Amino acid sequence: MIVRVLISPDAKQIIKQLKAPFGALMFHQSGGCCDGSQPMCFAKGDFIIGSSDVCLGEIEDCEFWMSKDQFEVWKHTQLTVDITQGRGSSFSIEIPLGLRFIIHSKIFTPEQENKLSPVFFKVD
């Protein structure tokens, strides 16, 4: 199976650092507007997932979610969560560290699209 979301080694280290004070974490890909379009990290349960969200998989035991509408645009794209210097404009928990998570994307080949891991929808 080809996974839909990956993580860079640098981002892995920040997640490990954030888990110490916050415990289990989760990600939700911002759809734009006020937060730009960046992955936001929360303590698990601090961001309410609804029936309009889809889970693309897990990175470092953290679920990675985005809205169904946004997924329709990005479903042919593999995402890699990375970290960079600079303060993002969001409620993501890495912001006080002077860092922000970012996404790098790559279009799946037709061969890869036939081997993609399934996505999951929230069951209410």
PDB file of N, CA and C in Angstrom:
ATOM      1  N   MET A   1       0.835  -1.187   0.000  1.00  0.00           N
ATOM      2  CA  MET A   1       0.000   0.000   0.000  1.00  0.00           C
ATOM      3  C   MET A   1       0.882   1.255   0.000  1.00  0.00           C
ATOM      4  N   ILE A   2       0.459   2.232  -0.722  1.00  0.00           N
ATOM      5  CA  ILE A   2       1.115   3.538  -0.753  1.00  0.00           C
ATOM      6  C   ILE A   2       0.391   4.432   0.253  1.00  0.00           C
ATOM      7  N   VAL A   3       1.143   5.005   1.178  1.00  0.00           N
ATOM      8  CA  VAL A   3       0.521   5.878   2.179  1.00  0.00           C
ATOM      9  C   VAL A   3       0.296   7.265   1.592  1.00  0.00           C
ATOM     10  N   ARG A   4      -0.712   7.935   2.111  1.00  0.00           N
ATOM     11  CA  ARG A   4      -1.100   9.249   1.594  1.00  0.00           C
ATOM     12  C   ARG A   4      -0.380  10.396   2.289  1.00  0.00           C
ATOM     13  N   VAL A   5       0.121  10.151   3.489  1.00  0.00           N
ATOM     14  CA  VAL A   5       0.790  11.223   4.236  1.00  0.00           C
ATOM     15  C   VAL A   5       2.060  10.665   4.883  1.00  0.00           C
ATOM     16  N   LEU A   6       3.141  11.413   4.710  1.00  0.00           N
ATOM     17  CA  LEU A   6       4.463  11.066   5.234  1.00  0.00           C
ATOM     18  C   LEU A   6       4.915  12.173   6.180  1.00  0.00           C
ATOM     19  N   ILE A   7       6.080  11.976   6.804  1.00  0.00           N
ATOM     20  CA  ILE A   7       6.628  12.996   7.705  1.00  0.00           C
ATOM     21  C   ILE A   7       8.142  13.053   7.547  1.00  0.00           C
ATOM     22  N   SER A   8       8.681  14.247   7.608  1.00  0.00           N
ATOM     23  CA  SER A   8      10.132  14.423   7.496  1.00  0.00           C
ATOM     24  C   SER A   8      10.797  14.075   8.827  1.00  0.00           C
ATOM     25  N   PRO A   9      12.088  13.748   8.799  1.00  0.00           N
ATOM     26  CA  PRO A   9      12.809  13.478  10.060  1.00  0.00           C
ATOM     27  C   PRO A   9      12.771  14.664  11.028  1.00  0.00           C
ATOM     28  N   ASP A  10      12.889  15.889  10.523  1.00  0.00           N
ATOM     29  CA  ASP A  10      12.850  17.066  11.405  1.00  0.00           C
ATOM     30  C   ASP A  10      11.488  17.214  12.069  1.00  0.00           C
ATOM     31  N   ALA A  11      10.423  16.984  11.315  1.00  0.00           N
ATOM     32  CA  ALA A  11       9.078  17.080  11.886  1.00  0.00           C
ATOM     33  C   ALA A  11       8.853  15.977  12.919  1.00  0.00           C
ATOM     34  N   LYS A  12       9.426  14.791  12.699  1.00  0.00           N
ATOM     35  CA  LYS A  12       9.327  13.703  13.686  1.00  0.00           C
ATOM     36  C   LYS A  12       9.875  14.154  15.035  1.00  0.00           C
ATOM     37  N   GLN A  13      11.010  14.839  14.999  1.00  0.00           N
ATOM     38  CA  GLN A  13      11.634  15.292  16.241  1.00  0.00           C
ATOM     39  C   GLN A  13      10.753  16.289  16.986  1.00  0.00           C
ATOM     40  N   ILE A  14      10.102  17.184  16.241  1.00  0.00           N
ATOM     41  CA  ILE A  14       9.224  18.172  16.883  1.00  0.00           C
ATOM     42  C   ILE A  14       7.997  17.486  17.466  1.00  0.00           C
ATOM     43  N   ILE A  15       7.448  16.510  16.762  1.00  0.00           N
ATOM     44  CA  ILE A  15       6.307  15.773  17.316  1.00  0.00           C
ATOM     45  C   ILE A  15       6.702  15.082  18.609  1.00  0.00           C
ATOM     46  N   LYS A  16       7.871  14.471  18.622  1.00  0.00           N
ATOM     47  CA  LYS A  16       8.354  13.822  19.845  1.00  0.00           C
ATOM     48  C   LYS A  16       8.459  14.846  20.980  1.00  0.00           C
ATOM     49  N   GLN A  17       8.991  16.014  20.673  1.00  0.00           N
ATOM     50  CA  GLN A  17       9.120  17.083  21.664  1.00  0.00           C
ATOM     51  C   GLN A  17       7.746  17.542  22.162  1.00  0.00           C
ATOM     52  N   LEU A  18       6.779  17.657  21.269  1.00  0.00           N
ATOM     53  CA  LEU A  18       5.436  18.135  21.639  1.00  0.00           C
ATOM     54  C   LEU A  18       4.641  17.099  22.429  1.00  0.00           C
ATOM     55  N   LYS A  19       4.909  15.826  22.195  1.00  0.00           N
ATOM     56  CA  LYS A  19       4.186  14.783  22.920  1.00  0.00           C
ATOM     57  C   LYS A  19       4.504  14.794  24.411  1.00  0.00           C
ATOM     58  N   ALA A  20       5.695  15.258  24.778  1.00  0.00           N
ATOM     59  CA  ALA A  20       6.073  15.269  26.198  1.00  0.00           C
ATOM     60  C   ALA A  20       5.081  16.083  27.032  1.00  0.00           C
ATOM     61  N   PRO A  21       4.802  17.350  26.674  1.00  0.00           N
ATOM     62  CA  PRO A  21       3.844  18.096  27.497  1.00  0.00           C
ATOM     63  C   PRO A  21       2.371  17.871  27.128  1.00  0.00           C
ATOM     64  N   PHE A  22       2.090  17.487  25.867  1.00  0.00           N
ATOM     65  CA  PHE A  22       0.705  17.440  25.401  1.00  0.00           C
ATOM     66  C   PHE A  22       0.109  16.042  25.305  1.00  0.00           C
ATOM     67  N   GLY A  23       0.931  15.006  25.335  1.00  0.00           N
ATOM     68  CA  GLY A  23       0.413  13.642  25.175  1.00  0.00           C
ATOM     69  C   GLY A  23       0.104  13.338  23.720  1.00  0.00           C
ATOM     70  N   ALA A  24      -0.927  12.522  23.502  1.00  0.00           N
ATOM     71  CA  ALA A  24      -1.309  12.130  22.137  1.00  0.00           C
ATOM     72  C   ALA A  24      -1.678  13.367  21.321  1.00  0.00           C
ATOM     73  N   LEU A  25      -1.286  13.359  20.042  1.00  0.00           N
ATOM     74  CA  LEU A  25      -1.506  14.502  19.154  1.00  0.00           C
ATOM     75  C   LEU A  25      -2.327  14.089  17.939  1.00  0.00           C
ATOM     76  N   MET A  26      -2.815  15.085  17.218  1.00  0.00           N
ATOM     77  CA  MET A  26      -3.524  14.881  15.962  1.00  0.00           C
ATOM     78  C   MET A  26      -3.224  16.063  15.047  1.00  0.00           C
ATOM     79  N   PHE A  27      -3.437  15.863  13.745  1.00  0.00           N
ATOM     80  CA  PHE A  27      -3.265  16.933  12.767  1.00  0.00           C
ATOM     81  C   PHE A  27      -4.570  17.142  12.004  1.00  0.00           C
ATOM     82  N   HIS A  28      -4.789  18.396  11.629  1.00  0.00           N
ATOM     83  CA  HIS A  28      -5.874  18.720  10.701  1.00  0.00           C
ATOM     84  C   HIS A  28      -5.304  19.702   9.693  1.00  0.00           C
ATOM     85  N   GLN A  29      -5.446  19.366   8.420  1.00  0.00           N
ATOM     86  CA  GLN A  29      -4.943  20.229   7.358  1.00  0.00           C
ATOM     87  C   GLN A  29      -5.887  21.406   7.182  1.00  0.00           C
ATOM     88  N   SER A  30      -5.370  22.601   7.434  1.00  0.00           N
ATOM     89  CA  SER A  30      -6.164  23.804   7.276  1.00  0.00           C
ATOM     90  C   SER A  30      -6.497  23.997   5.809  1.00  0.00           C
ATOM     91  N   GLY A  31      -7.697  24.475   5.549  1.00  0.00           N
ATOM     92  CA  GLY A  31      -8.146  24.658   4.178  1.00  0.00           C
ATOM     93  C   GLY A  31      -7.916  26.036   3.618  1.00  0.00           C
ATOM     94  N   GLY A  32      -7.174  26.861   4.302  1.00  0.00           N
ATOM     95  CA  GLY A  32      -6.938  28.210   3.801  1.00  0.00           C
ATOM     96  C   GLY A  32      -7.559  29.227   4.722  1.00  0.00           C
ATOM     97  N   CYS A  33      -7.987  30.328   4.168  1.00  0.00           N
ATOM     98  CA  CYS A  33      -8.603  31.424   4.922  1.00  0.00           C
ATOM     99  C   CYS A  33      -7.608  31.953   5.945  1.00  0.00           C
ATOM    100  N   CYS A  34      -8.011  32.065   7.178  1.00  0.00           N
ATOM    101  CA  CYS A  34      -7.213  32.721   8.210  1.00  0.00           C
ATOM    102  C   CYS A  34      -5.892  32.009   8.500  1.00  0.00           C
ATOM    103  N   ASP A  35      -5.878  30.695   8.413  1.00  0.00           N
ATOM    104  CA  ASP A  35      -4.686  29.934   8.766  1.00  0.00           C
ATOM    105  C   ASP A  35      -3.810  29.615   7.571  1.00  0.00           C
ATOM    106  N   GLY A  36      -4.111  30.180   6.411  1.00  0.00           N
ATOM    107  CA  GLY A  36      -3.377  29.788   5.223  1.00  0.00           C
ATOM    108  C   GLY A  36      -3.752  28.354   4.906  1.00  0.00           C
ATOM    109  N   SER A  37      -2.849  27.613   4.374  1.00  0.00           N
ATOM    110  CA  SER A  37      -3.090  26.196   4.107  1.00  0.00           C
ATOM    111  C   SER A  37      -1.933  25.430   4.713  1.00  0.00           C
ATOM    112  N   GLN A  38      -2.054  25.161   6.008  1.00  0.00           N
ATOM    113  CA  GLN A  38      -0.977  24.480   6.700  1.00  0.00           C
ATOM    114  C   GLN A  38      -1.544  23.409   7.612  1.00  0.00           C
ATOM    115  N   PRO A  39      -0.739  22.394   7.888  1.00  0.00           N
ATOM    116  CA  PRO A  39      -1.189  21.377   8.834  1.00  0.00           C
ATOM    117  C   PRO A  39      -1.135  21.948  10.252  1.00  0.00           C
ATOM    118  N   MET A  40      -2.198  21.750  10.971  1.00  0.00           N
ATOM    119  CA  MET A  40      -2.248  22.247  12.346  1.00  0.00           C
ATOM    120  C   MET A  40      -2.214  21.056  13.296  1.00  0.00           C
ATOM    121  N   CYS A  41      -1.407  21.178  14.332  1.00  0.00           N
ATOM    122  CA  CYS A  41      -1.221  20.119  15.310  1.00  0.00           C
ATOM    123  C   CYS A  41      -1.926  20.503  16.604  1.00  0.00           C
ATOM    124  N   PHE A  42      -2.673  19.554  17.151  1.00  0.00           N
ATOM    125  CA  PHE A  42      -3.422  19.759  18.390  1.00  0.00           C
ATOM    126  C   PHE A  42      -3.219  18.574  19.315  1.00  0.00           C
ATOM    127  N   ALA A  43      -3.410  18.798  20.612  1.00  0.00           N
ATOM    128  CA  ALA A  43      -3.530  17.664  21.518  1.00  0.00           C
ATOM    129  C   ALA A  43      -4.757  16.894  21.049  1.00  0.00           C
ATOM    130  N   LYS A  44      -4.655  15.573  21.028  1.00  0.00           N
ATOM    131  CA  LYS A  44      -5.767  14.758  20.512  1.00  0.00           C
ATOM    132  C   LYS A  44      -7.050  15.103  21.259  1.00  0.00           C
ATOM    133  N   GLY A  45      -8.092  15.406  20.499  1.00  0.00           N
ATOM    134  CA  GLY A  45      -9.381  15.750  21.077  1.00  0.00           C
ATOM    135  C   GLY A  45      -9.617  17.236  21.217  1.00  0.00           C
ATOM    136  N   ASP A  46      -8.567  18.060  21.067  1.00  0.00           N
ATOM    137  CA  ASP A  46      -8.737  19.515  21.179  1.00  0.00           C
ATOM    138  C   ASP A  46      -9.316  20.143  19.913  1.00  0.00           C
ATOM    139  N   PHE A  47      -9.295  19.418  18.820  1.00  0.00           N
ATOM    140  CA  PHE A  47      -9.942  19.867  17.587  1.00  0.00           C
ATOM    141  C   PHE A  47     -11.049  18.861  17.309  1.00  0.00           C
ATOM    142  N   ILE A  48     -12.253  19.341  17.164  1.00  0.00           N
ATOM    143  CA  ILE A  48     -13.400  18.455  16.982  1.00  0.00           C
ATOM    144  C   ILE A  48     -13.506  18.023  15.518  1.00  0.00           C
ATOM    145  N   ILE A  49     -13.395  16.733  15.298  1.00  0.00           N
ATOM    146  CA  ILE A  49     -13.541  16.144  13.972  1.00  0.00           C
ATOM    147  C   ILE A  49     -15.029  15.889  13.746  1.00  0.00           C
ATOM    148  N   GLY A  50     -15.490  16.243  12.556  1.00  0.00           N
ATOM    149  CA  GLY A  50     -16.904  16.046  12.241  1.00  0.00           C
ATOM    150  C   GLY A  50     -17.110  15.140  11.054  1.00  0.00           C
ATOM    151  N   SER A  51     -18.355  14.964  10.682  1.00  0.00           N
ATOM    152  CA  SER A  51     -18.690  14.081   9.567  1.00  0.00           C
ATOM    153  C   SER A  51     -18.225  14.646   8.225  1.00  0.00           C
ATOM    154  N   SER A  52     -17.767  15.885   8.202  1.00  0.00           N
ATOM    155  CA  SER A  52     -17.244  16.466   6.963  1.00  0.00           C
ATOM    156  C   SER A  52     -15.727  16.330   6.856  1.00  0.00           C
ATOM    157  N   ASP A  53     -15.121  15.509   7.737  1.00  0.00           N
ATOM    158  CA  ASP A  53     -13.670  15.312   7.726  1.00  0.00           C
ATOM    159  C   ASP A  53     -13.320  13.879   7.338  1.00  0.00           C
ATOM    160  N   VAL A  54     -12.121  13.714   6.794  1.00  0.00           N
ATOM    161  CA  VAL A  54     -11.616  12.419   6.375  1.00  0.00           C
ATOM    162  C   VAL A  54     -10.194  12.253   6.931  1.00  0.00           C
ATOM    163  N   CYS A  55      -9.881  11.027   7.388  1.00  0.00           N
ATOM    164  CA  CYS A  55      -8.549  10.732   7.918  1.00  0.00           C
ATOM    165  C   CYS A  55      -7.718  10.084   6.814  1.00  0.00           C
ATOM    166  N   LEU A  56      -6.580  10.710   6.499  1.00  0.00           N
ATOM    167  CA  LEU A  56      -5.710  10.201   5.442  1.00  0.00           C
ATOM    168  C   LEU A  56      -4.758   9.122   5.929  1.00  0.00           C
ATOM    169  N   GLY A  57      -4.587   9.024   7.235  1.00  0.00           N
ATOM    170  CA  GLY A  57      -3.670   8.049   7.809  1.00  0.00           C
ATOM    171  C   GLY A  57      -3.062   8.601   9.081  1.00  0.00           C
ATOM    172  N   GLU A  58      -1.945   8.013   9.488  1.00  0.00           N
ATOM    173  CA  GLU A  58      -1.246   8.435  10.704  1.00  0.00           C
ATOM    174  C   GLU A  58       0.219   8.703  10.409  1.00  0.00           C
ATOM    175  N   ILE A  59       0.754   9.696  11.117  1.00  0.00           N
ATOM    176  CA  ILE A  59       2.192   9.962  11.117  1.00  0.00           C
ATOM    177  C   ILE A  59       2.629   9.995  12.567  1.00  0.00           C
ATOM    178  N   GLU A  60       3.601   9.174  12.915  1.00  0.00           N
ATOM    179  CA  GLU A  60       4.091   9.117  14.292  1.00  0.00           C
ATOM    180  C   GLU A  60       2.939   8.926  15.293  1.00  0.00           C
ATOM    181  N   ASP A  61       2.025   8.030  14.957  1.00  0.00           N
ATOM    182  CA  ASP A  61       0.856   7.718  15.800  1.00  0.00           C
ATOM    183  C   ASP A  61      -0.091   8.904  15.973  1.00  0.00           C
ATOM    184  N   CYS A  62      -0.059   9.844  15.054  1.00  0.00           N
ATOM    185  CA  CYS A  62      -0.954  11.005  15.078  1.00  0.00           C
ATOM    186  C   CYS A  62      -1.859  10.932  13.848  1.00  0.00           C
ATOM    187  N   GLU A  63      -3.171  10.909  14.059  1.00  0.00           N
ATOM    188  CA  GLU A  63      -4.094  10.918  12.928  1.00  0.00           C
ATOM    189  C   GLU A  63      -3.943  12.226  12.154  1.00  0.00           C
ATOM    190  N   PHE A  64      -4.091  12.130  10.826  1.00  0.00           N
ATOM    191  CA  PHE A  64      -3.990  13.293   9.953  1.00  0.00           C
ATOM    192  C   PHE A  64      -5.312  13.440   9.207  1.00  0.00           C
ATOM    193  N   TRP A  65      -6.042  14.529   9.485  1.00  0.00           N
ATOM    194  CA  TRP A  65      -7.386  14.772   8.966  1.00  0.00           C
ATOM    195  C   TRP A  65      -7.423  15.983   8.043  1.00  0.00           C
ATOM    196  N   MET A  66      -8.418  16.013   7.158  1.00  0.00           N
ATOM    197  CA  MET A  66      -8.751  17.202   6.379  1.00  0.00           C
ATOM    198  C   MET A  66     -10.230  17.099   5.996  1.00  0.00           C
ATOM    199  N   SER A  67     -10.781  18.210   5.543  1.00  0.00           N
ATOM    200  CA  SER A  67     -12.190  18.198   5.152  1.00  0.00           C
ATOM    201  C   SER A  67     -12.374  17.359   3.893  1.00  0.00           C
ATOM    202  N   LYS A  68     -13.558  16.767   3.735  1.00  0.00           N
ATOM    203  CA  LYS A  68     -13.868  15.975   2.535  1.00  0.00           C
ATOM    204  C   LYS A  68     -13.726  16.815   1.276  1.00  0.00           C
ATOM    205  N   ASP A  69     -14.191  18.056   1.329  1.00  0.00           N
ATOM    206  CA  ASP A  69     -14.098  18.930   0.156  1.00  0.00           C
ATOM    207  C   ASP A  69     -12.648  19.155  -0.248  1.00  0.00           C
ATOM    208  N   GLN A  70     -11.806  19.403   0.731  1.00  0.00           N
ATOM    209  CA  GLN A  70     -10.390  19.617   0.434  1.00  0.00           C
ATOM    210  C   GLN A  70      -9.748  18.326  -0.059  1.00  0.00           C
ATOM    211  N   PHE A  71     -10.141  17.204   0.522  1.00  0.00           N
ATOM    212  CA  PHE A  71      -9.609  15.920   0.078  1.00  0.00           C
ATOM    213  C   PHE A  71      -9.920  15.671  -1.397  1.00  0.00           C
ATOM    214  N   GLU A  72     -11.098  16.072  -1.846  1.00  0.00           N
ATOM    215  CA  GLU A  72     -11.453  15.889  -3.254  1.00  0.00           C
ATOM    216  C   GLU A  72     -10.447  16.593  -4.173  1.00  0.00           C
ATOM    217  N   VAL A  73      -9.904  17.705  -3.721  1.00  0.00           N
ATOM    218  CA  VAL A  73      -8.906  18.440  -4.503  1.00  0.00           C
ATOM    219  C   VAL A  73      -7.536  17.769  -4.385  1.00  0.00           C
ATOM    220  N   TRP A  74      -7.197  17.252  -3.204  1.00  0.00           N
ATOM    221  CA  TRP A  74      -5.856  16.730  -2.925  1.00  0.00           C
ATOM    222  C   TRP A  74      -5.752  15.212  -2.987  1.00  0.00           C
ATOM    223  N   LYS A  75      -6.805  14.499  -3.359  1.00  0.00           N
ATOM    224  CA  LYS A  75      -6.795  13.038  -3.268  1.00  0.00           C
ATOM    225  C   LYS A  75      -5.765  12.371  -4.185  1.00  0.00           C
ATOM    226  N   HIS A  76      -5.263  13.083  -5.165  1.00  0.00           N
ATOM    227  CA  HIS A  76      -4.261  12.528  -6.075  1.00  0.00           C
ATOM    228  C   HIS A  76      -2.843  12.931  -5.661  1.00  0.00           C
ATOM    229  N   THR A  77      -2.706  13.396  -4.426  1.00  0.00           N
ATOM    230  CA  THR A  77      -1.444  13.975  -3.965  1.00  0.00           C
ATOM    231  C   THR A  77      -0.961  13.322  -2.675  1.00  0.00           C
ATOM    232  N   GLN A  78       0.321  12.962  -2.652  1.00  0.00           N
ATOM    233  CA  GLN A  78       0.928  12.480  -1.420  1.00  0.00           C
ATOM    234  C   GLN A  78       1.477  13.689  -0.668  1.00  0.00           C
ATOM    235  N   LEU A  79       1.173  13.768   0.608  1.00  0.00           N
ATOM    236  CA  LEU A  79       1.585  14.897   1.435  1.00  0.00           C
ATOM    237  C   LEU A  79       2.730  14.487   2.348  1.00  0.00           C
ATOM    238  N   THR A  80       3.691  15.367   2.518  1.00  0.00           N
ATOM    239  CA  THR A  80       4.762  15.170   3.489  1.00  0.00           C
ATOM    240  C   THR A  80       4.730  16.332   4.461  1.00  0.00           C
ATOM    241  N   VAL A  81       4.540  16.019   5.739  1.00  0.00           N
ATOM    242  CA  VAL A  81       4.555  17.035   6.788  1.00  0.00           C
ATOM    243  C   VAL A  81       6.006  17.330   7.129  1.00  0.00           C
ATOM    244  N   ASP A  82       6.358  18.613   7.102  1.00  0.00           N
ATOM    245  CA  ASP A  82       7.709  19.056   7.422  1.00  0.00           C
ATOM    246  C   ASP A  82       7.588  20.198   8.434  1.00  0.00           C
ATOM    247  N   ILE A  83       8.705  20.723   8.856  1.00  0.00           N
ATOM    248  CA  ILE A  83       8.730  21.819   9.831  1.00  0.00           C
ATOM    249  C   ILE A  83       9.666  22.892   9.307  1.00  0.00           C
ATOM    250  N   THR A  84       9.356  24.141   9.609  1.00  0.00           N
ATOM    251  CA  THR A  84      10.216  25.241   9.181  1.00  0.00           C
ATOM    252  C   THR A  84      10.225  26.315  10.264  1.00  0.00           C
ATOM    253  N   GLN A  85      11.237  27.164  10.210  1.00  0.00           N
ATOM    254  CA  GLN A  85      11.315  28.299  11.123  1.00  0.00           C
ATOM    255  C   GLN A  85      10.235  29.306  10.779  1.00  0.00           C
ATOM    256  N   GLY A  86       9.760  29.993  11.763  1.00  0.00           N
ATOM    257  CA  GLY A  86       8.791  31.055  11.536  1.00  0.00           C
ATOM    258  C   GLY A  86       7.480  30.784  12.237  1.00  0.00           C
ATOM    259  N   ARG A  87       6.840  31.843  12.588  1.00  0.00           N
ATOM    260  CA  ARG A  87       5.574  31.728  13.306  1.00  0.00           C
ATOM    261  C   ARG A  87       4.422  31.655  12.314  1.00  0.00           C
ATOM    262  N   GLY A  88       3.652  30.608  12.408  1.00  0.00           N
ATOM    263  CA  GLY A  88       2.456  30.481  11.597  1.00  0.00           C
ATOM    264  C   GLY A  88       1.327  31.297  12.214  1.00  0.00           C
ATOM    265  N   SER A  89       0.266  31.453  11.472  1.00  0.00           N
ATOM    266  CA  SER A  89      -0.865  32.234  11.980  1.00  0.00           C
ATOM    267  C   SER A  89      -2.008  31.298  12.339  1.00  0.00           C
ATOM    268  N   SER A  90      -1.756  30.423  13.294  1.00  0.00           N
ATOM    269  CA  SER A  90      -2.778  29.434  13.626  1.00  0.00           C
ATOM    270  C   SER A  90      -2.755  29.126  15.117  1.00  0.00           C
ATOM    271  N   PHE A  91      -3.595  28.179  15.478  1.00  0.00           N
ATOM    272  CA  PHE A  91      -3.674  27.710  16.866  1.00  0.00           C
ATOM    273  C   PHE A  91      -2.854  26.444  17.070  1.00  0.00           C
ATOM    274  N   SER A  92      -2.037  26.077  16.105  1.00  0.00           N
ATOM    275  CA  SER A  92      -1.230  24.869  16.171  1.00  0.00           C
ATOM    276  C   SER A  92      -0.233  24.958  17.328  1.00  0.00           C
ATOM    277  N   ILE A  93      -0.030  23.839  18.030  1.00  0.00           N
ATOM    278  CA  ILE A  93       0.733  23.877  19.287  1.00  0.00           C
ATOM    279  C   ILE A  93       2.239  24.059  19.125  1.00  0.00           C
ATOM    280  N   GLU A  94       2.779  23.955  17.911  1.00  0.00           N
ATOM    281  CA  GLU A  94       4.216  24.184  17.734  1.00  0.00           C
ATOM    282  C   GLU A  94       4.565  25.669  17.630  1.00  0.00           C
ATOM    283  N   ILE A  95       3.578  26.523  17.452  1.00  0.00           N
ATOM    284  CA  ILE A  95       3.802  27.953  17.219  1.00  0.00           C
ATOM    285  C   ILE A  95       4.673  28.610  18.298  1.00  0.00           C
ATOM    286  N   PRO A  96       4.464  28.332  19.594  1.00  0.00           N
ATOM    287  CA  PRO A  96       5.321  28.972  20.610  1.00  0.00           C
ATOM    288  C   PRO A  96       6.807  28.603  20.496  1.00  0.00           C
ATOM    289  N   LEU A  97       7.120  27.545  19.758  1.00  0.00           N
ATOM    290  CA  LEU A  97       8.523  27.155  19.563  1.00  0.00           C
ATOM    291  C   LEU A  97       9.200  27.983  18.468  1.00  0.00           C
ATOM    292  N   GLY A  98       8.441  28.868  17.816  1.00  0.00           N
ATOM    293  CA  GLY A  98       8.995  29.643  16.708  1.00  0.00           C
ATOM    294  C   GLY A  98       9.086  28.826  15.431  1.00  0.00           C
ATOM    295  N   LEU A  99       8.274  27.772  15.357  1.00  0.00           N
ATOM    296  CA  LEU A  99       8.262  26.862  14.219  1.00  0.00           C
ATOM    297  C   LEU A  99       6.841  26.733  13.692  1.00  0.00           C
ATOM    298  N   ARG A 100       6.730  26.183  12.493  1.00  0.00           N
ATOM    299  CA  ARG A 100       5.403  25.848  11.973  1.00  0.00           C
ATOM    300  C   ARG A 100       5.525  24.647  11.052  1.00  0.00           C
ATOM    301  N   PHE A 101       4.516  23.800  11.104  1.00  0.00           N
ATOM    302  CA  PHE A 101       4.458  22.667  10.195  1.00  0.00           C
ATOM    303  C   PHE A 101       4.061  23.168   8.816  1.00  0.00           C
ATOM    304  N   ILE A 102       4.610  22.538   7.789  1.00  0.00           N
ATOM    305  CA  ILE A 102       4.280  22.858   6.401  1.00  0.00           C
ATOM    306  C   ILE A 102       4.055  21.554   5.644  1.00  0.00           C
ATOM    307  N   ILE A 103       3.472  21.667   4.463  1.00  0.00           N
ATOM    308  CA  ILE A 103       3.213  20.505   3.613  1.00  0.00           C
ATOM    309  C   ILE A 103       4.010  20.617   2.320  1.00  0.00           C
ATOM    310  N   HIS A 104       4.636  19.509   1.957  1.00  0.00           N
ATOM    311  CA  HIS A 104       5.209  19.344   0.621  1.00  0.00           C
ATOM    312  C   HIS A 104       4.306  18.318  -0.055  1.00  0.00           C
ATOM    313  N   SER A 105       4.027  18.497  -1.324  1.00  0.00           N
ATOM    314  CA  SER A 105       3.128  17.563  -1.994  1.00  0.00           C
ATOM    315  C   SER A 105       3.735  17.028  -3.280  1.00  0.00           C
ATOM    316  N   LYS A 106       3.276  15.841  -3.640  1.00  0.00           N
ATOM    317  CA  LYS A 106       3.741  15.174  -4.855  1.00  0.00           C
ATOM    318  C   LYS A 106       2.544  14.436  -5.450  1.00  0.00           C
ATOM    319  N   ILE A 107       2.316  14.593  -6.741  1.00  0.00           N
ATOM    320  CA  ILE A 107       1.216  13.912  -7.425  1.00  0.00           C
ATOM    321  C   ILE A 107       1.539  12.419  -7.537  1.00  0.00           C
ATOM    322  N   PHE A 108       0.551  11.577  -7.213  1.00  0.00           N
ATOM    323  CA  PHE A 108       0.723  10.136  -7.374  1.00  0.00           C
ATOM    324  C   PHE A 108       0.787   9.775  -8.854  1.00  0.00           C
ATOM    325  N   THR A 109       1.587   8.777  -9.164  1.00  0.00           N
ATOM    326  CA  THR A 109       1.580   8.222 -10.521  1.00  0.00           C
ATOM    327  C   THR A 109       0.329   7.350 -10.664  1.00  0.00           C
ATOM    328  N   PRO A 110      -0.090   7.065 -11.888  1.00  0.00           N
ATOM    329  CA  PRO A 110      -1.244   6.164 -12.061  1.00  0.00           C
ATOM    330  C   PRO A 110      -1.028   4.805 -11.388  1.00  0.00           C
ATOM    331  N   GLU A 111       0.191   4.297 -11.416  1.00  0.00           N
ATOM    332  CA  GLU A 111       0.485   3.014 -10.770  1.00  0.00           C
ATOM    333  C   GLU A 111       0.297   3.115  -9.252  1.00  0.00           C
ATOM    334  N   GLN A 112       0.753   4.232  -8.668  1.00  0.00           N
ATOM    335  CA  GLN A 112       0.594   4.434  -7.223  1.00  0.00           C
ATOM    336  C   GLN A 112      -0.877   4.578  -6.844  1.00  0.00           C
ATOM    337  N   GLU A 113      -1.658   5.257  -7.667  1.00  0.00           N
ATOM    338  CA  GLU A 113      -3.069   5.469  -7.342  1.00  0.00           C
ATOM    339  C   GLU A 113      -3.824   4.156  -7.198  1.00  0.00           C
ATOM    340  N   ASN A 114      -3.373   3.114  -7.889  1.00  0.00           N
ATOM    341  CA  ASN A 114      -4.012   1.806  -7.772  1.00  0.00           C
ATOM    342  C   ASN A 114      -3.633   1.076  -6.493  1.00  0.00           C
ATOM    343  N   LYS A 115      -2.677   1.621  -5.730  1.00  0.00           N
ATOM    344  CA  LYS A 115      -2.183   0.953  -4.518  1.00  0.00           C
ATOM    345  C   LYS A 115      -2.327   1.824  -3.273  1.00  0.00           C
ATOM    346  N   LEU A 116      -3.171   2.852  -3.320  1.00  0.00           N
ATOM    347  CA  LEU A 116      -3.284   3.787  -2.204  1.00  0.00           C
ATOM    348  C   LEU A 116      -3.943   3.182  -0.984  1.00  0.00           C
ATOM    349  N   SER A 117      -3.466   3.598   0.175  1.00  0.00           N
ATOM    350  CA  SER A 117      -4.103   3.185   1.421  1.00  0.00           C
ATOM    351  C   SER A 117      -5.495   3.826   1.499  1.00  0.00           C
ATOM    352  N   PRO A 118      -6.433   3.158   2.151  1.00  0.00           N
ATOM    353  CA  PRO A 118      -7.789   3.725   2.250  1.00  0.00           C
ATOM    354  C   PRO A 118      -7.829   4.914   3.196  1.00  0.00           C
ATOM    355  N   VAL A 119      -8.826   5.748   3.003  1.00  0.00           N
ATOM    356  CA  VAL A 119      -9.085   6.862   3.930  1.00  0.00           C
ATOM    357  C   VAL A 119     -10.248   6.449   4.832  1.00  0.00           C
ATOM    358  N   PHE A 120     -10.386   7.148   5.962  1.00  0.00           N
ATOM    359  CA  PHE A 120     -11.436   6.829   6.911  1.00  0.00           C
ATOM    360  C   PHE A 120     -12.251   8.071   7.205  1.00  0.00           C
ATOM    361  N   PHE A 121     -13.527   7.887   7.352  1.00  0.00           N
ATOM    362  CA  PHE A 121     -14.433   8.977   7.706  1.00  0.00           C
ATOM    363  C   PHE A 121     -14.861   8.804   9.145  1.00  0.00           C
ATOM    364  N   LYS A 122     -15.132   9.914   9.799  1.00  0.00           N
ATOM    365  CA  LYS A 122     -15.587   9.866  11.179  1.00  0.00           C
ATOM    366  C   LYS A 122     -16.966   9.224  11.220  1.00  0.00           C
ATOM    367  N   VAL A 123     -17.119   8.311  12.154  1.00  0.00           N
ATOM    368  CA  VAL A 123     -18.411   7.674  12.369  1.00  0.00           C
ATOM    369  C   VAL A 123     -19.009   8.298  13.621  1.00  0.00           C
ATOM    370  N   ASP A 124     -20.168   8.935  13.466  1.00  0.00           N
ATOM    371  CA  ASP A 124     -20.819   9.580  14.616  1.00  0.00           C
ATOM    372  C   ASP A 124     -21.637   8.590  15.412  1.00  0.00           C
TER     373      ASP A 124
END
